[in-house]
């Protein structure tokens, strides 16, 4: 499995952000307000580049802003994963016009991006560029920006509430692993675990998860319990007829755990090197300011940074 497969599959689901439990549609509130401030200074005929775009959340905020302002600004969105704008347009018809305004470039890691240098007025990234090789990404941004151009980032921070949520979810996955759910599902699907033993396993997992879910309301437990209730109610023939669905369920759990591991790895690296963002200064950019992002006035959602490429 390649490094980006689990992200490619996630974006193929049609989610617009990497935090669907927090943002059902696109980013809003203080996060959206931060981005609107960055878009305001882009001149007519300017160019914006969104790195590690996923399904284009920030690029679509930019496209929507410039359309509302009736300003001709080109928006390009790049990601290392495979993305499908046509699928997004079908699943989010209210965003179809904005999607058509964005030039998407997928399967293109930032570190090896071959776009011409010195052409962008604004480079953006939200919960993305910190997943790259920091020094290589910083060098690319410095190359891509025109003199006087700006870099704006919203990044994970070790102190954010998002990190605490991910740590809890990681422990939830660990509990599922300790109960042997996925291992048992794989054995049943392979034919090495009988129906009766598999059903007993599902019942045992259900008995363990119900009190945990009642105590925490953890979304992962709720998702698994729904599947367990359905599977336990089936007889052998019904359950074997749903093998494809069981396999898809197990795969989704595995992919979700891989994405979570990516996010935790990055956040732990930031915790170990809280001044990681200085790599952009080393690459020749000037730090303008940084600020904590408080979503809805209370949820610590990361840290924003603004840099500029000097004109001299």
Protein backbone atom coordinates (compact mmCIF):
# COMPACT_ATOMS: atom_id res chain seq x y z
CA UNK A 1 0.00 0.00 0.00
CA UNK A 2 1.40 3.39 -0.94
CA UNK A 3 1.76 6.21 1.54
CA UNK A 4 -1.24 8.09 0.12
CA UNK A 5 -3.65 5.21 -0.62
CA UNK A 6 -5.64 5.64 2.58
CA UNK A 7 -5.98 9.37 1.89
CA UNK A 8 -6.96 8.77 -1.73
CA UNK A 9 -9.72 6.45 -0.56
CA UNK A 10 -10.84 8.97 2.05
CA UNK A 11 -11.13 11.82 -0.46
CA UNK A 12 -13.00 9.48 -2.81
CA UNK A 13 -15.70 9.29 -0.11
CA UNK A 14 -16.57 12.91 -0.89
CA UNK A 15 -15.56 14.44 2.44
CA UNK A 16 -14.40 18.02 2.04
CA UNK A 17 -12.23 18.24 5.17
CA UNK A 18 -10.07 15.83 7.14
CA UNK A 19 -12.17 16.54 10.26
CA UNK A 20 -15.74 15.62 9.26
CA UNK A 21 -16.90 15.24 12.87
CA UNK A 22 -16.08 18.92 13.43
CA UNK A 23 -16.91 20.39 10.01
CA UNK A 24 -19.86 18.77 8.25
CA UNK A 25 -19.39 20.97 5.18
CA UNK A 26 -16.45 23.34 4.64
CA UNK A 27 -14.50 25.18 7.32
CA UNK A 28 -16.47 28.03 8.86
CA UNK A 29 -16.34 30.44 11.80
CA UNK A 30 -12.96 31.86 12.78
CA UNK A 31 -11.14 29.52 10.41
CA UNK A 32 -13.08 30.74 7.37
CA UNK A 33 -12.67 34.34 8.58
CA UNK A 34 -8.90 33.90 8.72
CA UNK A 35 -8.86 32.74 5.10
CA UNK A 36 -11.08 35.57 3.88
CA UNK A 37 -8.56 38.01 5.35
CA UNK A 38 -5.80 36.36 3.32
CA UNK A 39 -7.78 36.49 0.08
CA UNK A 40 -8.61 40.18 0.40
CA UNK A 41 -5.23 41.46 -0.72
CA UNK A 42 -4.92 39.40 -3.90
CA UNK A 43 -4.88 41.64 -6.98
CA UNK A 44 -7.00 41.25 -10.10
CA UNK A 45 -5.35 38.62 -12.28
CA UNK A 46 -3.51 37.20 -9.27
CA UNK A 47 -2.73 33.57 -8.57
CA UNK A 48 -3.42 31.47 -5.47
CA UNK A 49 -1.94 28.02 -4.81
CA UNK A 50 -3.37 25.69 -2.16
CA UNK A 51 -0.97 22.92 -1.13
CA UNK A 52 -2.02 19.56 0.36
CA UNK A 53 -5.53 20.53 -0.67
CA UNK A 54 -7.36 17.22 -0.15
CA UNK A 55 -10.74 17.75 -1.82
CA UNK A 56 -10.05 21.47 -2.08
CA UNK A 57 -11.58 22.94 1.09
CA UNK A 58 -9.42 26.08 1.17
CA UNK A 59 -9.24 26.36 -2.62
CA UNK A 60 -13.06 26.36 -2.71
CA UNK A 61 -13.22 29.03 -0.02
CA UNK A 62 -10.91 31.10 -2.22
CA UNK A 63 -12.87 30.44 -5.42
CA UNK A 64 -16.14 31.33 -3.67
CA UNK A 65 -14.69 34.55 -2.30
CA UNK A 66 -13.33 35.71 -5.66
CA UNK A 67 -16.54 34.83 -7.48
CA UNK A 68 -18.56 36.83 -4.94
CA UNK A 69 -16.18 39.76 -5.42
CA UNK A 70 -16.34 39.33 -9.22
CA UNK A 71 -12.57 39.24 -9.34
CA UNK A 72 -10.52 37.25 -11.82
CA UNK A 73 -8.05 35.30 -9.67
CA UNK A 74 -6.70 31.88 -10.68
CA UNK A 75 -6.86 29.21 -7.97
CA UNK A 76 -4.74 26.05 -8.21
CA UNK A 77 -5.06 23.15 -5.75
CA UNK A 78 -2.43 20.42 -5.35
CA UNK A 79 -2.37 17.16 -3.39
CA UNK A 80 -0.21 14.05 -3.21
CA UNK A 81 -3.29 11.81 -3.08
CA UNK A 82 -5.60 10.95 -5.94
CA UNK A 83 -8.59 13.31 -6.01
CA UNK A 84 -11.65 13.49 -8.25
CA UNK A 85 -13.20 16.96 -8.76
CA UNK A 86 -15.95 15.57 -11.00
CA UNK A 87 -17.05 13.22 -8.22
CA UNK A 88 -16.98 16.12 -5.76
CA UNK A 89 -19.18 18.19 -8.07
CA UNK A 90 -21.74 15.37 -8.24
CA UNK A 91 -21.78 14.86 -4.48
CA UNK A 92 -21.76 18.57 -3.66
CA UNK A 93 -23.81 20.19 -6.45
CA UNK A 94 -23.99 23.43 -4.45
CA UNK A 95 -20.22 23.72 -4.93
CA UNK A 96 -20.13 22.80 -8.62
CA UNK A 97 -19.44 26.34 -9.84
CA UNK A 98 -16.58 26.81 -7.39
CA UNK A 99 -15.06 23.41 -8.23
CA UNK A 100 -15.07 24.38 -11.91
CA UNK A 101 -13.08 27.53 -11.06
CA UNK A 102 -10.26 25.58 -9.41
CA UNK A 103 -7.43 23.86 -11.31
CA UNK A 104 -6.80 20.60 -9.45
CA UNK A 105 -3.46 18.79 -9.66
CA UNK A 106 -3.43 15.43 -7.87
CA UNK A 107 -0.78 12.78 -7.16
CA UNK A 108 1.80 15.57 -6.86
CA UNK A 109 3.78 15.75 -3.60
CA UNK A 110 4.80 19.26 -2.58
CA UNK A 111 8.44 18.26 -2.34
CA UNK A 112 8.63 17.43 -6.07
CA UNK A 113 6.04 19.85 -7.44
CA UNK A 114 7.10 21.02 -10.90
CA UNK A 115 5.03 24.21 -11.24
CA UNK A 116 6.91 27.31 -12.51
CA UNK A 117 8.53 29.40 -9.81
CA UNK A 118 7.88 33.00 -8.81
CA UNK A 119 4.29 33.11 -10.08
CA UNK A 120 2.00 32.94 -7.04
CA UNK A 121 0.70 35.86 -5.00
CA UNK A 122 -0.52 33.60 -2.18
CA UNK A 123 0.30 30.04 -1.16
CA UNK A 124 -2.04 28.44 1.37
CA UNK A 125 -2.30 25.21 3.31
CA UNK A 126 -4.55 24.00 6.11
CA UNK A 127 -3.69 20.91 8.14
CA UNK A 128 -1.50 19.82 5.24
CA UNK A 129 1.98 21.16 4.72
CA UNK A 130 3.12 19.94 8.13
CA UNK A 131 2.69 16.37 6.75
CA UNK A 132 5.43 17.05 4.20
CA UNK A 133 9.18 17.04 4.59
CA UNK A 134 9.36 20.43 6.28
CA UNK A 135 12.61 21.74 4.79
CA UNK A 136 11.81 20.54 1.27
CA UNK A 137 8.31 22.01 1.42
CA UNK A 138 9.64 25.34 2.68
CA UNK A 139 12.14 25.51 -0.20
CA UNK A 140 9.35 24.82 -2.68
CA UNK A 141 7.11 27.53 -1.26
CA UNK A 142 9.94 30.06 -1.39
CA UNK A 143 10.51 29.11 -5.03
CA UNK A 144 6.83 29.29 -6.01
CA UNK A 145 6.04 32.68 -4.45
CA UNK A 146 6.66 35.86 -6.40
CA UNK A 147 8.66 38.58 -4.59
CA UNK A 148 6.23 40.15 -2.14
CA UNK A 149 4.00 37.09 -2.24
CA UNK A 150 2.66 35.59 0.97
CA UNK A 151 2.35 32.17 2.57
CA UNK A 152 -0.60 31.54 4.93
CA UNK A 153 -0.91 28.36 6.98
CA UNK A 154 -3.31 26.90 9.49
CA UNK A 155 -1.49 24.01 11.12
CA UNK A 156 -1.92 21.45 13.83
CA UNK A 157 -0.47 22.47 17.18
CA UNK A 158 0.47 20.21 20.06
CA UNK A 159 -1.84 22.16 22.38
CA UNK A 160 -4.96 22.01 20.19
CA UNK A 161 -8.19 20.29 21.17
CA UNK A 162 -7.95 18.36 17.90
CA UNK A 163 -4.86 16.56 19.20
CA UNK A 164 -6.64 15.56 22.39
CA UNK A 165 -9.54 14.18 20.32
CA UNK A 166 -7.16 12.18 18.13
CA UNK A 167 -5.38 10.75 21.16
CA UNK A 168 -8.71 9.56 22.54
CA UNK A 169 -9.68 8.03 19.21
CA UNK A 170 -6.34 6.26 19.03
CA UNK A 171 -7.09 4.65 22.38
CA UNK A 172 -10.50 3.63 21.01
CA UNK A 173 -8.82 1.84 18.10
CA UNK A 174 -6.46 0.15 20.55
CA UNK A 175 -9.44 -1.18 22.50
CA UNK A 176 -10.97 -2.59 19.31
CA UNK A 177 -7.66 -4.26 18.50
CA UNK A 178 -7.45 -5.77 22.00
CA UNK A 179 -10.93 -7.24 21.55
CA UNK A 180 -9.86 -8.94 18.32
CA UNK A 181 -12.69 -7.57 16.19
CA UNK A 182 -10.84 -6.95 12.93
CA UNK A 183 -8.74 -10.08 13.28
CA UNK A 184 -11.90 -12.14 13.83
CA UNK A 185 -13.64 -10.52 10.87
CA UNK A 186 -10.71 -11.34 8.61
CA UNK A 187 -10.67 -14.96 9.79
CA UNK A 188 -14.41 -15.32 9.22
CA UNK A 189 -14.15 -13.83 5.75
CA UNK A 190 -11.24 -16.17 4.94
CA UNK A 191 -13.24 -19.18 6.17
CA UNK A 192 -10.98 -20.04 9.11
CA UNK A 193 -13.50 -18.99 11.80
CA UNK A 194 -16.88 -20.67 12.08
CA UNK A 195 -20.14 -18.76 12.11
CA UNK A 196 -20.90 -19.74 15.71
CA UNK A 197 -17.50 -18.63 16.99
CA UNK A 198 -17.66 -15.43 14.97
CA UNK A 199 -21.10 -14.63 16.35
CA UNK A 200 -19.85 -15.19 19.90
CA UNK A 201 -16.95 -12.83 19.18
CA UNK A 202 -19.33 -10.14 17.93
CA UNK A 203 -21.49 -10.54 21.03
CA UNK A 204 -18.44 -10.31 23.31
CA UNK A 205 -17.21 -7.15 21.54
CA UNK A 206 -20.69 -5.65 21.78
CA UNK A 207 -20.82 -6.36 25.53
CA UNK A 208 -17.47 -4.60 26.01
CA UNK A 209 -18.22 -1.61 23.79
CA UNK A 210 -21.72 -0.75 25.01
CA UNK A 211 -20.66 0.55 28.44
CA UNK A 212 -17.66 2.31 26.89
CA UNK A 213 -19.93 4.04 24.37
CA UNK A 214 -22.46 4.98 27.04
CA UNK A 215 -19.68 6.55 29.08
CA UNK A 216 -17.91 8.43 26.27
CA UNK A 217 -20.30 8.63 23.28
CA UNK A 218 -17.22 7.95 21.14
CA UNK A 219 -18.23 8.14 17.44
CA UNK A 220 -16.01 5.16 16.57
CA UNK A 221 -17.77 2.96 19.12
CA UNK A 222 -21.16 4.12 17.90
CA UNK A 223 -20.20 3.23 14.32
CA UNK A 224 -18.97 -0.24 15.32
CA UNK A 225 -21.93 -0.96 17.58
CA UNK A 226 -24.34 -0.24 14.74
CA UNK A 227 -22.58 -2.83 12.60
CA UNK A 228 -22.47 -5.33 15.47
CA UNK A 229 -26.19 -5.07 16.16
CA UNK A 230 -26.95 -5.69 12.48
CA UNK A 231 -24.52 -8.62 12.13
CA UNK A 232 -25.63 -10.34 15.35
CA UNK A 233 -29.26 -10.28 14.19
CA UNK A 234 -28.44 -12.28 11.04
CA UNK A 235 -28.39 -16.04 10.59
CA UNK A 236 -25.47 -17.81 8.95
CA UNK A 237 -26.78 -17.55 5.40
CA UNK A 238 -27.60 -13.87 5.77
CA UNK A 239 -24.23 -13.05 7.24
CA UNK A 240 -22.31 -14.93 4.59
CA UNK A 241 -24.36 -13.14 1.93
CA UNK A 242 -23.09 -9.85 3.38
CA UNK A 243 -19.41 -10.81 3.11
CA UNK A 244 -18.65 -7.93 0.74
CA UNK A 245 -20.15 -5.43 3.17
CA UNK A 246 -18.26 -6.95 6.10
CA UNK A 247 -15.01 -6.73 4.17
CA UNK A 248 -15.72 -3.10 3.28
CA UNK A 249 -16.46 -2.31 6.92
CA UNK A 250 -13.18 -3.86 8.07
CA UNK A 251 -11.31 -1.99 5.36
CA UNK A 252 -12.83 1.34 6.37
CA UNK A 253 -11.76 0.77 9.97
CA UNK A 254 -8.22 -0.08 8.91
CA UNK A 255 -7.98 2.94 6.62
CA UNK A 256 -9.34 5.23 9.32
CA UNK A 257 -6.71 4.01 11.75
CA UNK A 258 -3.96 4.66 9.18
CA UNK A 259 -5.17 8.24 8.65
CA UNK A 260 -5.33 8.79 12.38
CA UNK A 261 -1.79 7.43 12.74
CA UNK A 262 -0.61 9.97 10.14
CA UNK A 263 -2.23 12.84 12.02
CA UNK A 264 -0.83 11.74 15.37
CA UNK A 265 2.64 11.27 13.91
CA UNK A 266 2.63 14.84 12.64
CA UNK A 267 1.28 16.27 15.87
CA UNK A 268 3.84 14.42 17.94
CA UNK A 269 6.60 15.71 15.67
CA UNK A 270 5.31 19.27 16.18
CA UNK A 271 5.19 18.70 19.92
CA UNK A 272 8.83 17.58 19.81
CA UNK A 273 9.85 20.56 17.62
CA UNK A 274 7.42 23.42 18.38
CA UNK A 275 9.43 25.88 16.28
CA UNK A 276 9.30 23.66 13.21
CA UNK A 277 7.82 26.55 11.20
CA UNK A 278 11.19 28.30 11.31
CA UNK A 279 12.16 26.21 8.27
CA UNK A 280 10.26 28.76 6.17
CA UNK A 281 12.52 31.52 7.49
CA UNK A 282 15.56 29.39 6.72
CA UNK A 283 14.21 29.05 3.16
CA UNK A 284 14.17 32.86 2.85
CA UNK A 285 10.67 33.87 3.91
CA UNK A 286 9.90 36.49 6.55
CA UNK A 287 7.51 35.64 9.37
CA UNK A 288 4.80 38.31 9.58
CA UNK A 289 2.81 36.96 12.50
CA UNK A 290 1.27 33.89 14.10
CA UNK A 291 -1.85 33.33 16.14
CA UNK A 292 -3.83 30.60 17.82
CA UNK A 293 -7.10 29.74 16.09
CA UNK A 294 -9.99 29.50 18.53
CA UNK A 295 -12.98 27.99 16.74
CA UNK A 296 -16.31 29.29 18.07
CA UNK A 297 -14.32 31.25 20.60
CA UNK A 298 -13.24 28.25 22.66
CA UNK A 299 -12.02 25.25 20.65
CA UNK A 300 -8.27 25.38 20.15
CA UNK A 301 -8.01 24.36 16.50
CA UNK A 302 -4.35 24.93 15.72
CA UNK A 303 -2.07 27.81 14.87
CA UNK A 304 -2.02 30.18 11.91
CA UNK A 305 1.20 31.56 10.41
CA UNK A 306 1.74 34.24 7.78
CA UNK A 307 5.00 34.65 5.89
CA UNK A 308 6.16 36.90 3.05
CA UNK A 309 8.78 36.48 0.38
CA UNK A 310 10.95 39.63 0.57
CA UNK A 311 11.10 41.83 -2.51
CA UNK A 312 14.86 42.23 -2.20
